[in-house]
Amino acid sequence: MAKSDDSHLALEQVDKLLILCDEAMRATPENVKRFIEPAPGVLAQSKAKQHSLIFGRRGSGKSSLLRKVVADLTIDRRPISFVDMETFKGHSYPDVLISVLIKSLHEFQRWLETAALTPATKTSFWNKIFGRAPERKPFNRVQTHELIEELKSIIHGLEEKLSQPENIDVQVKETITNSQEVAANLGVKTSGVEAGVSGKRSGAVSKEVSEGYKSAKTEYLHQNILKFQRFFSNLSNLSEGPAYLILDDLYHIRRSDQAKVIDYFHRIAKGNGLWLKVGTIKHRSEWYIHTDPPTGVKLGDDAKEINIDISLEKFTSLKEFMKKILSNLMDETPPITVNSILNPTAIDRLIIASGGVTRDFIGIFTKAINQARNRGTDHHRGPRIGAEDVNLATGEYGEIKREEFKLDADEDRKILEDAFAHLVSFCLNDAKCNIFLINQRLAGPVRDAIDQLIDLRLIHLVQSRVTLKKGAEGLVFQAFMLDTSEYTASRKVHGLELIDLNSKSFGEEIRKKKLLYEGR
């Protein structure tokens, strides 16, 4: 690599910066010190004494926010349990609920054995992750150990029940030709079938089977809910305040089970000093089902919605936020600064390429560093990262996005892949533009697919209210941008109109009827 005396890209500190960026892309307890609040008040809302659903695209910072909540509440000696729901991906109900319950209680046990009892003078424990010691005194040691023993007993019971095969009662009615009827109750186990039959049989038999599904594990959960409620009430009394349960990345468990899992924890928590904080992708989640009685939590009534996404529509705020993230990392690698290794145009291109997603912004940035270093700092593009370096990095990073899309789309993958392919074809071949419009009132499968593709970071909102120059009077549209990885670097498309989000004429350029997408 050719070196230039005025290029910071050639410094060894850049190697350290790349490592820090890799670390920052993972939400860990140790990264709490680097937390930057995405918008004023978000952190305070997330710590409030209320049930909350925290929404954001993958990589938007939900887990980082929740890790910060853990750290701040632990400093205040508030009992807290953090559960990564990805651990239970693929588990079936009710085992998934029992498993999450076991993990939640294990985390409360660990908290009680450490943060609840560790004196503030033990700075080696507190400073490592939390940065400072608590002001509140440790919990009563005798009462805490009594509660820990109670907790161990509860966990043991749950673990025993989880390890047992599931039982299902099936009601079978046999109708015999001579009008005699025999009732049989079959107890069906996962390991085989056990049946007990009473009565007489004669003649030809026809069977009418009706399954009155009765799960032994579900019954166990129903029967012991008072025990779990009592534990959290005792925990609240011991801590002289509430406890918090954080379920991160709910979308990883089966969508059909999500509302049932939340519903059970909500019933445990209500009136017992426990607050739920659930982080998830909005359009990949089911938190409420209108059944009789309702299942889950209803936004507004039972839980508060907190959305941490910052769309490209708020470009100025987004730019300020992203520069803070980079500056925070570069504080650990002097003399490197944002301006010393990035051209102003490169910053804007990075933000647009990321779609406003923090993890994607950092990921593309690191690949742009490598692109600029590999071409040499004496190159005609100059000694700093330029827009073309970002374009090349975006194309490379797009492969990561596509792999994550396959993982996150799960059972909807084929439907969403088809929907996205149709949308890309419209943009590149029909509209010949990186921007498309949809009617604000659009509903049904097309709208549902678009909402999910937004959450999966393949399209990005750029304007929430648009009217056309001609036609469609009285209708309001939304403007979206196709992810730049679909038309940069090796995927460059001839004749494609790229509308600049920062252009003064942007608002007028997107008011074209040819950009209107109606699906198929």
Protein backbone atom coordinates (compact mmCIF):
# COMPACT_ATOMS: atom_id res chain seq x y z
CA MET A 1 0.00 0.00 0.00
CA ALA A 2 1.32 3.39 -0.97
CA LYS A 3 1.55 5.69 2.00
CA SER A 4 1.03 9.39 2.31
CA ASP A 5 2.37 11.46 5.18
CA ASP A 6 -0.97 13.17 5.70
CA SER A 7 -3.07 9.99 5.66
CA HIS A 8 -4.41 8.74 8.96
CA LEU A 9 -5.58 5.58 7.20
CA ALA A 10 -1.97 4.36 7.24
CA LEU A 11 -1.67 4.63 11.04
CA GLU A 12 -1.58 1.56 13.27
CA GLN A 13 -4.38 3.06 15.34
CA VAL A 14 -6.74 2.27 12.46
CA ASP A 15 -6.14 -1.44 13.14
CA LYS A 16 -7.31 -0.89 16.70
CA LEU A 17 -10.30 1.09 15.41
CA LEU A 18 -11.33 -1.83 13.21
CA ILE A 19 -11.26 -4.14 16.24
CA LEU A 20 -13.32 -1.66 18.27
CA CYS A 21 -15.86 -1.46 15.44
CA ASP A 22 -16.19 -5.24 15.38
CA GLU A 23 -16.77 -5.22 19.15
CA ALA A 24 -19.29 -2.38 18.89
CA MET A 25 -21.39 -4.41 16.43
CA ARG A 26 -22.10 -6.91 19.21
CA ALA A 27 -24.32 -5.92 22.12
CA THR A 28 -22.43 -7.13 25.18
CA PRO A 29 -22.38 -6.01 28.83
CA GLU A 30 -18.85 -4.66 28.28
CA ASN A 31 -20.04 -2.36 25.47
CA VAL A 32 -22.45 -0.47 27.72
CA LYS A 33 -19.83 2.24 28.25
CA ARG A 34 -20.03 3.08 24.53
CA PHE A 35 -23.82 3.45 24.51
CA ILE A 36 -25.18 6.49 22.65
CA GLU A 37 -28.87 7.28 23.17
CA PRO A 38 -30.65 7.22 19.76
CA ALA A 39 -33.14 9.92 20.80
CA PRO A 40 -33.71 12.01 23.93
CA GLY A 41 -35.84 10.23 26.53
CA VAL A 42 -35.59 6.72 25.06
CA LEU A 43 -33.41 5.40 27.90
CA ALA A 44 -35.60 6.91 30.62
CA GLN A 45 -38.74 5.44 29.01
CA SER A 46 -37.09 2.02 28.80
CA LYS A 47 -36.30 2.09 32.54
CA ALA A 48 -39.74 3.33 33.60
CA LYS A 49 -42.08 1.33 35.85
CA GLN A 50 -44.24 0.11 33.00
CA HIS A 51 -44.36 -2.81 30.61
CA SER A 52 -42.65 -1.86 27.35
CA LEU A 53 -42.26 -3.27 23.86
CA ILE A 54 -39.11 -1.88 22.27
CA PHE A 55 -39.20 -2.02 18.48
CA GLY A 56 -36.35 -1.60 16.02
CA ARG A 57 -34.84 -3.19 12.95
CA ARG A 58 -32.13 -5.84 13.36
CA GLY A 59 -28.94 -3.96 14.28
CA SER A 60 -30.75 -0.74 15.23
CA GLY A 61 -29.50 -0.87 18.82
CA LYS A 62 -32.32 -2.59 20.75
CA SER A 63 -29.98 -4.97 22.55
CA SER A 64 -27.51 -2.17 23.31
CA LEU A 65 -30.32 -0.10 24.80
CA LEU A 66 -31.53 -3.03 26.91
CA ARG A 67 -27.99 -3.80 28.09
CA LYS A 68 -27.74 -0.17 29.20
CA VAL A 69 -31.04 -0.57 31.06
CA VAL A 70 -29.57 -3.62 32.82
CA ALA A 71 -26.46 -1.70 33.85
CA ASP A 72 -28.31 1.38 35.12
CA LEU A 73 -30.91 -0.59 37.07
CA THR A 74 -28.24 -2.85 38.58
CA ILE A 75 -26.38 0.23 39.80
CA ASP A 76 -29.64 1.14 41.53
CA ARG A 77 -29.76 -2.42 42.95
CA ARG A 78 -32.99 -3.25 41.14
CA PRO A 79 -33.33 -7.02 40.53
CA ILE A 80 -33.04 -7.70 36.83
CA SER A 81 -32.97 -10.67 34.47
CA PHE A 82 -31.80 -10.47 30.84
CA VAL A 83 -32.84 -13.30 28.49
CA ASP A 84 -31.66 -13.63 24.88
CA MET A 85 -34.61 -15.27 23.13
CA GLU A 86 -32.49 -16.46 20.19
CA THR A 87 -31.38 -19.31 22.49
CA PHE A 88 -34.86 -20.80 22.18
CA LYS A 89 -35.22 -20.52 18.42
CA GLY A 90 -37.14 -23.54 17.12
CA HIS A 91 -38.45 -24.64 20.53
CA SER A 92 -42.12 -25.62 20.58
CA TYR A 93 -44.81 -24.58 23.05
CA PRO A 94 -45.11 -25.17 26.00
CA ASP A 95 -41.44 -26.19 26.28
CA VAL A 96 -40.36 -22.79 24.98
CA LEU A 97 -42.25 -21.05 27.80
CA ILE A 98 -40.85 -23.37 30.46
CA SER A 99 -37.33 -22.92 29.07
CA VAL A 100 -37.61 -19.12 29.05
CA LEU A 101 -39.03 -19.20 32.57
CA ILE A 102 -36.11 -21.34 33.78
CA LYS A 103 -33.56 -19.04 32.14
CA SER A 104 -35.28 -15.93 33.56
CA LEU A 105 -35.23 -17.32 37.09
CA HIS A 106 -31.61 -18.49 36.75
CA GLU A 107 -30.66 -14.90 35.82
CA PHE A 108 -32.54 -13.53 38.86
CA GLN A 109 -30.71 -16.08 41.02
CA ARG A 110 -27.35 -14.98 39.61
CA TRP A 111 -28.27 -11.34 40.23
CA LEU A 112 -29.28 -12.05 43.83
CA GLU A 113 -26.02 -13.94 44.47
CA THR A 114 -23.88 -11.10 43.09
CA ALA A 115 -25.24 -7.58 42.62
CA ALA A 116 -27.73 -7.83 45.49
CA LEU A 117 -25.07 -8.71 48.07
CA THR A 118 -21.80 -7.24 46.76
CA PRO A 119 -20.80 -4.20 48.84
CA ALA A 120 -20.25 -0.91 47.04
CA THR A 121 -16.65 -0.92 48.29
CA LYS A 122 -15.79 -3.85 46.01
CA THR A 123 -14.93 -1.60 43.09
CA SER A 124 -13.34 -4.41 41.04
CA PHE A 125 -16.83 -5.89 40.59
CA TRP A 126 -18.73 -2.68 39.96
CA ASN A 127 -16.28 -0.76 37.77
CA LYS A 128 -15.60 -3.59 35.31
CA ILE A 129 -19.00 -3.34 33.62
CA PHE A 130 -21.08 -0.76 35.42
CA GLY A 131 -18.50 2.03 35.69
CA ARG A 132 -19.46 3.04 39.21
CA ALA A 133 -20.69 1.61 42.50
CA PRO A 134 -24.31 1.71 43.75
CA GLU A 135 -25.51 4.15 46.37
CA ARG A 136 -28.13 1.80 47.84
CA LYS A 137 -26.89 -0.63 50.46
CA PRO A 138 -26.77 -4.41 49.84
CA PHE A 139 -29.88 -6.50 50.48
CA ASN A 140 -30.42 -8.27 53.80
CA ARG A 141 -28.12 -11.29 53.52
CA VAL A 142 -30.29 -13.77 55.49
CA GLN A 143 -33.51 -12.87 53.67
CA THR A 144 -31.73 -12.92 50.31
CA HIS A 145 -30.38 -16.43 50.88
CA GLU A 146 -33.85 -17.59 51.94
CA LEU A 147 -35.28 -16.22 48.70
CA ILE A 148 -32.48 -17.85 46.68
CA GLU A 149 -33.34 -21.23 48.21
CA GLU A 150 -37.00 -20.71 47.33
CA LEU A 151 -35.93 -19.80 43.80
CA LYS A 152 -33.78 -22.93 43.48
CA SER A 153 -36.77 -25.06 44.46
CA ILE A 154 -38.95 -23.39 41.81
CA ILE A 155 -36.29 -23.85 39.13
CA HIS A 156 -35.82 -27.51 40.08
CA GLY A 157 -39.55 -28.15 39.68
CA LEU A 158 -39.58 -26.50 36.26
CA GLU A 159 -36.52 -28.41 35.08
CA GLU A 160 -38.10 -31.70 36.13
CA LYS A 161 -41.31 -30.87 34.27
CA LEU A 162 -39.36 -29.78 31.15
CA SER A 163 -37.48 -33.10 31.02
CA GLN A 164 -40.67 -35.17 31.16
CA PRO A 165 -42.44 -36.33 27.98
CA GLU A 166 -45.56 -34.38 27.12
CA ASN A 167 -48.96 -35.97 27.87
CA ILE A 168 -52.03 -35.37 25.73
CA ASP A 169 -55.55 -36.57 26.60
CA VAL A 170 -57.53 -37.55 23.52
CA GLN A 171 -61.28 -38.23 23.80
CA VAL A 172 -62.39 -41.07 21.46
CA LYS A 173 -66.02 -42.03 20.92
CA GLU A 174 -66.69 -45.46 19.32
CA THR A 175 -70.10 -45.97 17.73
CA ILE A 176 -71.10 -49.68 17.38
CA THR A 177 -73.62 -50.97 14.84
CA ASN A 178 -76.03 -52.31 17.49
CA SER A 179 -76.26 -48.78 18.93
CA GLN A 180 -74.09 -49.63 21.94
CA GLU A 181 -71.51 -46.94 22.71
CA VAL A 182 -68.19 -47.37 24.41
CA ALA A 183 -66.27 -44.39 25.74
CA ALA A 184 -62.51 -44.63 25.89
CA ASN A 185 -59.94 -42.25 27.23
CA LEU A 186 -56.57 -42.52 25.58
CA GLY A 187 -53.49 -41.03 27.29
CA VAL A 188 -51.06 -40.39 24.45
CA LYS A 189 -47.41 -39.84 25.22
CA THR A 190 -44.67 -38.67 22.92
CA SER A 191 -42.95 -42.00 23.50
CA GLY A 192 -45.98 -44.10 22.57
CA VAL A 193 -49.69 -44.69 23.20
CA GLU A 194 -51.34 -45.93 26.33
CA ALA A 195 -55.08 -46.72 26.26
CA GLY A 196 -57.66 -47.84 28.76
CA VAL A 197 -61.02 -49.01 27.38
CA SER A 198 -64.15 -50.02 29.31
CA GLY A 199 -67.43 -51.58 28.07
CA LYS A 200 -68.45 -54.24 25.52
CA ARG A 201 -67.73 -54.36 21.83
CA SER A 202 -69.76 -56.18 19.20
CA GLY A 203 -70.36 -55.78 15.50
CA ALA A 204 -68.67 -53.27 13.20
CA VAL A 205 -67.14 -50.26 14.88
CA SER A 206 -66.72 -46.71 13.56
CA LYS A 207 -64.64 -44.21 15.49
CA GLU A 208 -65.40 -40.54 15.95
CA VAL A 209 -62.30 -38.87 17.38
CA SER A 210 -62.41 -35.47 19.03
CA GLU A 211 -59.22 -34.21 20.61
CA GLY A 212 -59.80 -32.35 23.83
CA TYR A 213 -56.17 -31.21 23.99
CA LYS A 214 -54.94 -31.21 27.54
CA SER A 215 -51.22 -30.61 28.01
CA ALA A 216 -49.71 -31.77 31.30
CA LYS A 217 -46.99 -29.13 31.04
CA THR A 218 -49.47 -26.34 30.35
CA GLU A 219 -51.56 -27.52 33.29
CA TYR A 220 -48.45 -27.42 35.47
CA LEU A 221 -47.82 -23.81 34.45
CA HIS A 222 -51.42 -22.86 35.23
CA GLN A 223 -51.35 -24.62 38.59
CA ASN A 224 -48.10 -22.96 39.69
CA ILE A 225 -48.71 -19.40 38.55
CA LEU A 226 -49.57 -18.34 42.12
CA LYS A 227 -46.21 -19.72 43.29
CA PHE A 228 -44.36 -17.63 40.69
CA GLN A 229 -46.41 -14.54 41.54
CA ARG A 230 -45.64 -15.00 45.23
CA PHE A 231 -41.91 -15.23 44.50
CA PHE A 232 -41.88 -11.91 42.63
CA SER A 233 -43.96 -10.26 45.33
CA ASN A 234 -41.38 -11.43 47.90
CA LEU A 235 -38.55 -10.24 45.66
CA SER A 236 -40.16 -6.81 45.40
CA ASN A 237 -40.52 -6.63 49.17
CA LEU A 238 -36.89 -7.64 49.70
CA SER A 239 -35.56 -5.06 47.23
CA GLU A 240 -37.99 -2.36 48.39
CA GLY A 241 -38.90 -1.73 44.80
CA PRO A 242 -39.66 -3.38 41.46
CA ALA A 243 -37.81 -6.08 39.54
CA TYR A 244 -37.35 -6.11 35.77
CA LEU A 245 -37.44 -8.94 33.23
CA ILE A 246 -35.93 -8.25 29.82
CA LEU A 247 -36.79 -10.56 26.91
CA ASP A 248 -34.52 -9.56 24.04
CA ASP A 249 -35.19 -10.46 20.39
CA LEU A 250 -38.60 -12.05 20.90
CA TYR A 251 -38.93 -12.47 17.11
CA HIS A 252 -36.53 -15.44 17.20
CA ILE A 253 -39.14 -17.77 18.74
CA ARG A 254 -42.06 -19.06 16.71
CA ARG A 255 -44.50 -16.31 15.87
CA SER A 256 -47.45 -18.50 16.90
CA ASP A 257 -45.96 -18.79 20.43
CA GLN A 258 -44.88 -15.19 21.04
CA ALA A 259 -48.15 -13.81 22.42
CA LYS A 260 -48.60 -16.88 24.66
CA VAL A 261 -45.13 -16.44 26.18
CA ILE A 262 -45.69 -12.72 26.80
CA ASP A 263 -49.17 -13.39 28.17
CA TYR A 264 -47.87 -15.78 30.83
CA PHE A 265 -45.17 -13.41 32.05
CA HIS A 266 -47.65 -10.54 32.03
CA ARG A 267 -49.98 -12.55 34.31
CA ILE A 268 -47.09 -13.31 36.66
CA ALA A 269 -45.97 -9.68 36.69
CA LYS A 270 -49.28 -7.88 37.16
CA GLY A 271 -49.46 -6.40 40.65
CA ASN A 272 -46.36 -8.25 41.85
CA GLY A 273 -43.60 -5.68 41.38
CA LEU A 274 -42.28 -7.03 38.08
CA TRP A 275 -41.99 -5.00 34.87
CA LEU A 276 -41.49 -6.55 31.43
CA LYS A 277 -39.22 -5.06 28.75
CA VAL A 278 -39.51 -6.89 25.42
CA GLY A 279 -37.21 -6.07 22.51
CA THR A 280 -38.23 -7.25 19.05
CA ILE A 281 -38.71 -6.52 15.33
CA LYS A 282 -42.21 -5.07 15.02
CA HIS A 283 -43.49 -6.74 11.87
CA ARG A 284 -41.92 -10.10 12.72
CA SER A 285 -43.76 -10.30 16.04
CA GLU A 286 -47.17 -11.16 17.50
CA TRP A 287 -47.62 -9.70 20.98
CA TYR A 288 -51.44 -9.66 21.16
CA ILE A 289 -54.14 -12.02 19.88
CA HIS A 290 -57.80 -11.03 20.11
CA THR A 291 -59.17 -14.24 21.59
CA ASP A 292 -61.64 -14.84 24.43
CA PRO A 293 -59.99 -14.08 26.77
CA PRO A 294 -57.31 -12.04 24.92
CA THR A 295 -53.79 -13.44 24.77
CA GLY A 296 -50.67 -11.29 25.19
CA VAL A 297 -50.40 -7.56 25.87
CA LYS A 298 -52.22 -4.75 24.12
CA LEU A 299 -50.20 -1.66 23.23
CA GLY A 300 -51.51 1.42 24.97
CA ASP A 301 -53.52 -0.54 27.53
CA ASP A 302 -51.05 -3.11 28.88
CA ALA A 303 -47.69 -1.93 27.51
CA LYS A 304 -46.03 1.15 26.07
CA GLU A 305 -44.51 1.15 22.60
CA ILE A 306 -40.94 2.45 22.27
CA ASN A 307 -39.62 2.67 18.70
CA ILE A 308 -35.89 3.36 18.44
CA ASP A 309 -35.61 3.41 14.64
CA ILE A 310 -34.42 6.63 13.04
CA SER A 311 -35.43 6.66 9.38
CA LEU A 312 -33.58 8.38 6.53
CA GLU A 313 -36.39 10.93 6.57
CA LYS A 314 -34.72 12.44 9.65
CA PHE A 315 -31.37 12.70 7.91
CA THR A 316 -29.93 15.57 9.98
CA SER A 317 -30.68 13.85 13.31
CA LEU A 318 -29.42 10.55 11.92
CA LYS A 319 -26.16 12.10 10.76
CA GLU A 320 -25.55 13.66 14.17
CA PHE A 321 -26.24 10.31 15.89
CA MET A 322 -23.96 8.29 13.58
CA LYS A 323 -21.10 10.79 13.89
CA LYS A 324 -21.38 10.55 17.69
CA ILE A 325 -21.01 6.77 17.44
CA LEU A 326 -17.86 7.07 15.33
CA SER A 327 -16.41 9.85 17.47
CA ASN A 328 -17.04 7.78 20.60
CA LEU A 329 -15.01 4.91 19.12
CA MET A 330 -12.28 7.21 17.85
CA ASP A 331 -11.83 8.73 21.31
CA GLU A 332 -10.03 5.44 22.05
CA THR A 333 -7.76 5.72 18.97
CA PRO A 334 -6.20 9.22 18.90
CA PRO A 335 -5.23 11.08 16.75
CA ILE A 336 -7.83 9.59 14.40
CA THR A 337 -10.99 11.68 13.94
CA VAL A 338 -14.03 11.43 11.68
CA ASN A 339 -12.81 14.25 9.45
CA SER A 340 -9.26 12.88 9.24
CA ILE A 341 -10.27 9.62 7.54
CA LEU A 342 -13.65 10.37 5.91
CA ASN A 343 -14.60 12.82 3.16
CA PRO A 344 -17.85 14.74 3.86
CA THR A 345 -19.53 13.03 0.89
CA ALA A 346 -18.47 9.65 2.25
CA ILE A 347 -20.25 10.29 5.55
CA ASP A 348 -23.51 11.04 3.76
CA ARG A 349 -23.11 8.02 1.51
CA LEU A 350 -22.45 5.80 4.55
CA ILE A 351 -25.64 6.95 6.24
CA ILE A 352 -27.74 6.37 3.11
CA ALA A 353 -26.13 2.97 2.48
CA SER A 354 -26.88 1.89 6.06
CA GLY A 355 -30.53 2.90 5.82
CA GLY A 356 -30.13 4.42 9.27
CA VAL A 357 -29.26 1.08 10.94
CA THR A 358 -26.36 1.46 13.37
CA ARG A 359 -24.81 -1.98 12.91
CA ASP A 360 -24.93 -1.67 9.11
CA PHE A 361 -23.37 1.80 9.34
CA ILE A 362 -20.42 0.47 11.34
CA GLY A 363 -20.12 -2.66 9.19
CA ILE A 364 -19.99 -0.72 5.91
CA PHE A 365 -17.58 1.78 7.48
CA THR A 366 -15.08 -0.96 8.36
CA LYS A 367 -15.25 -2.40 4.86
CA ALA A 368 -14.81 1.12 3.41
CA ILE A 369 -11.60 1.49 5.46
CA ASN A 370 -10.27 -1.70 3.90
CA GLN A 371 -11.29 -0.56 0.42
CA ALA A 372 -9.46 2.77 0.84
CA ARG A 373 -6.37 1.13 2.34
CA ASN A 374 -6.17 -1.48 -0.42
CA ARG A 375 -6.31 1.08 -3.23
CA GLY A 376 -3.55 3.13 -1.59
CA THR A 377 -3.74 6.59 -0.06
CA ASP A 378 -1.87 8.17 -2.99
CA HIS A 379 -4.71 7.15 -5.28
CA HIS A 380 -6.53 9.87 -7.22
CA ARG A 381 -9.48 9.50 -4.82
CA GLY A 382 -7.31 11.00 -2.10
CA PRO A 383 -5.93 9.94 1.30
CA ARG A 384 -9.37 9.63 2.96
CA ILE A 385 -12.37 7.33 2.51
CA GLY A 386 -14.45 8.58 -0.38
CA ALA A 387 -17.95 7.95 -1.73
CA GLU A 388 -16.70 5.34 -4.21
CA ASP A 389 -14.99 3.41 -1.39
CA VAL A 390 -18.32 3.37 0.42
CA ASN A 391 -20.11 2.15 -2.72
CA LEU A 392 -17.73 -0.77 -3.08
CA ALA A 393 -18.03 -1.57 0.63
CA THR A 394 -21.83 -1.44 0.38
CA GLY A 395 -21.88 -4.05 -2.36
CA GLU A 396 -19.61 -6.30 -0.30
CA TYR A 397 -21.67 -5.81 2.86
CA GLY A 398 -24.84 -6.62 0.94
CA GLU A 399 -23.93 -10.31 1.04
CA ILE A 400 -24.07 -10.21 4.85
CA LYS A 401 -27.51 -8.60 4.71
CA ARG A 402 -28.82 -11.23 2.35
CA GLU A 403 -27.59 -14.04 4.61
CA GLU A 404 -29.21 -12.40 7.65
CA PHE A 405 -32.41 -11.98 5.64
CA LYS A 406 -32.52 -15.74 5.01
CA LEU A 407 -32.15 -16.42 8.75
CA ASP A 408 -34.65 -13.82 9.94
CA ALA A 409 -37.36 -14.40 7.32
CA ASP A 410 -37.77 -17.96 8.64
CA GLU A 411 -41.02 -19.58 7.46
CA ASP A 412 -41.95 -16.49 5.41
CA ARG A 413 -38.72 -16.58 3.44
CA LYS A 414 -40.16 -17.72 0.08
CA ILE A 415 -43.02 -15.21 0.19
CA LEU A 416 -40.69 -12.33 1.12
CA GLU A 417 -38.04 -13.32 -1.42
CA ASP A 418 -40.67 -13.28 -4.17
CA ALA A 419 -42.08 -9.96 -2.95
CA PHE A 420 -38.62 -8.38 -2.85
CA ALA A 421 -37.65 -9.75 -6.28
CA HIS A 422 -40.82 -8.24 -7.75
CA LEU A 423 -40.11 -4.90 -6.06
CA VAL A 424 -36.48 -4.84 -7.28
CA SER A 425 -37.65 -5.62 -10.80
CA PHE A 426 -40.13 -2.73 -10.64
CA CYS A 427 -37.47 -0.26 -9.47
CA LEU A 428 -34.70 -1.34 -11.84
CA ASN A 429 -36.70 -2.23 -14.97
CA ASP A 430 -39.98 -0.27 -14.84
CA ALA A 431 -39.52 2.90 -12.77
CA LYS A 432 -35.76 2.88 -13.42
CA CYS A 433 -35.27 4.69 -10.11
CA ASN A 434 -33.98 3.86 -6.63
CA ILE A 435 -37.14 5.37 -5.07
CA PHE A 436 -40.67 3.98 -5.18
CA LEU A 437 -44.02 5.13 -3.77
CA ILE A 438 -46.91 3.25 -2.15
CA ASN A 439 -50.34 4.49 -1.14
CA GLN A 440 -50.50 5.23 2.58
CA ARG A 441 -53.78 3.30 2.74
CA LEU A 442 -52.39 0.21 1.04
CA ALA A 443 -53.33 -2.91 3.00
CA GLY A 444 -53.10 -6.65 2.59
CA PRO A 445 -50.23 -8.96 1.57
CA VAL A 446 -48.31 -6.30 -0.41
CA ARG A 447 -48.29 -3.87 2.52
CA ASP A 448 -47.43 -6.63 4.96
CA ALA A 449 -44.47 -7.71 2.81
CA ILE A 450 -43.22 -4.13 2.54
CA ASP A 451 -43.42 -3.65 6.31
CA GLN A 452 -41.40 -6.83 6.85
CA LEU A 453 -38.83 -5.88 4.19
CA ILE A 454 -38.34 -2.57 6.02
CA ASP A 455 -37.67 -4.41 9.27
CA LEU A 456 -35.32 -6.77 7.41
CA ARG A 457 -33.38 -3.69 6.11
CA LEU A 458 -33.88 -4.25 2.38
CA ILE A 459 -35.95 -1.11 1.83
CA HIS A 460 -35.92 2.18 3.75
CA LEU A 461 -38.47 4.91 4.44
CA VAL A 462 -37.33 8.29 3.07
CA GLN A 463 -40.53 10.38 3.09
CA SER A 464 -43.73 9.66 5.00
CA ARG A 465 -46.03 12.05 3.10
CA VAL A 466 -45.87 12.56 -0.67
CA THR A 467 -48.46 13.81 -3.15
CA LEU A 468 -48.17 13.33 -6.91
CA LYS A 469 -47.72 16.26 -9.28
CA LYS A 470 -50.56 15.06 -11.48
CA GLY A 471 -53.45 12.73 -10.80
CA ALA A 472 -54.33 10.82 -7.62
CA GLU A 473 -55.94 13.89 -6.09
CA GLY A 474 -56.51 13.59 -2.38
CA LEU A 475 -54.24 10.55 -2.05
CA VAL A 476 -51.11 10.55 0.10
CA PHE A 477 -48.16 8.26 -0.55
CA GLN A 478 -45.03 7.11 1.25
CA ALA A 479 -41.61 7.11 -0.42
CA PHE A 480 -39.11 4.29 0.08
CA MET A 481 -35.58 3.70 -1.15
CA LEU A 482 -34.34 0.35 -2.39
CA ASP A 483 -31.30 -0.74 -0.37
CA THR A 484 -28.20 0.62 -2.12
CA SER A 485 -26.52 -2.80 -2.14
CA GLU A 486 -28.95 -3.68 -4.96
CA TYR A 487 -27.52 -1.13 -7.39
CA THR A 488 -23.96 -0.20 -6.34
CA ALA A 489 -20.52 -1.65 -7.14
CA SER A 490 -20.85 -4.89 -9.15
CA ARG A 491 -24.64 -4.45 -9.23
CA LYS A 492 -24.58 -1.08 -10.99
CA VAL A 493 -27.57 -0.71 -13.29
CA HIS A 494 -27.36 1.18 -16.58
CA GLY A 495 -29.83 4.04 -16.93
CA LEU A 496 -30.96 3.95 -13.29
CA GLU A 497 -31.97 7.34 -11.90
CA LEU A 498 -30.47 7.82 -8.46
CA ILE A 499 -32.38 10.47 -6.57
CA ASP A 500 -30.17 12.18 -3.99
CA LEU A 501 -31.82 12.36 -0.57
CA ASN A 502 -29.89 15.56 0.18
CA SER A 503 -30.77 17.27 -3.06
CA LYS A 504 -32.77 20.51 -2.76
CA SER A 505 -35.09 19.17 -5.43
CA PHE A 506 -35.60 15.80 -3.71
CA GLY A 507 -39.16 16.65 -2.63
CA GLU A 508 -40.16 17.40 -6.24
CA GLU A 509 -38.26 14.54 -7.87
CA ILE A 510 -40.17 11.87 -5.97
CA ARG A 511 -43.64 13.17 -6.97
CA LYS A 512 -43.73 11.16 -10.19
CA LYS A 513 -46.52 8.77 -11.11
CA LYS A 514 -44.04 6.30 -12.64
CA LEU A 515 -42.67 5.63 -9.14
CA LEU A 516 -46.02 4.36 -7.85
CA TYR A 517 -45.78 0.68 -6.88
CA GLU A 518 -48.99 -1.29 -6.45
CA GLY A 519 -47.59 -4.81 -6.12
CA ARG A 520 -49.05 -7.67 -8.11
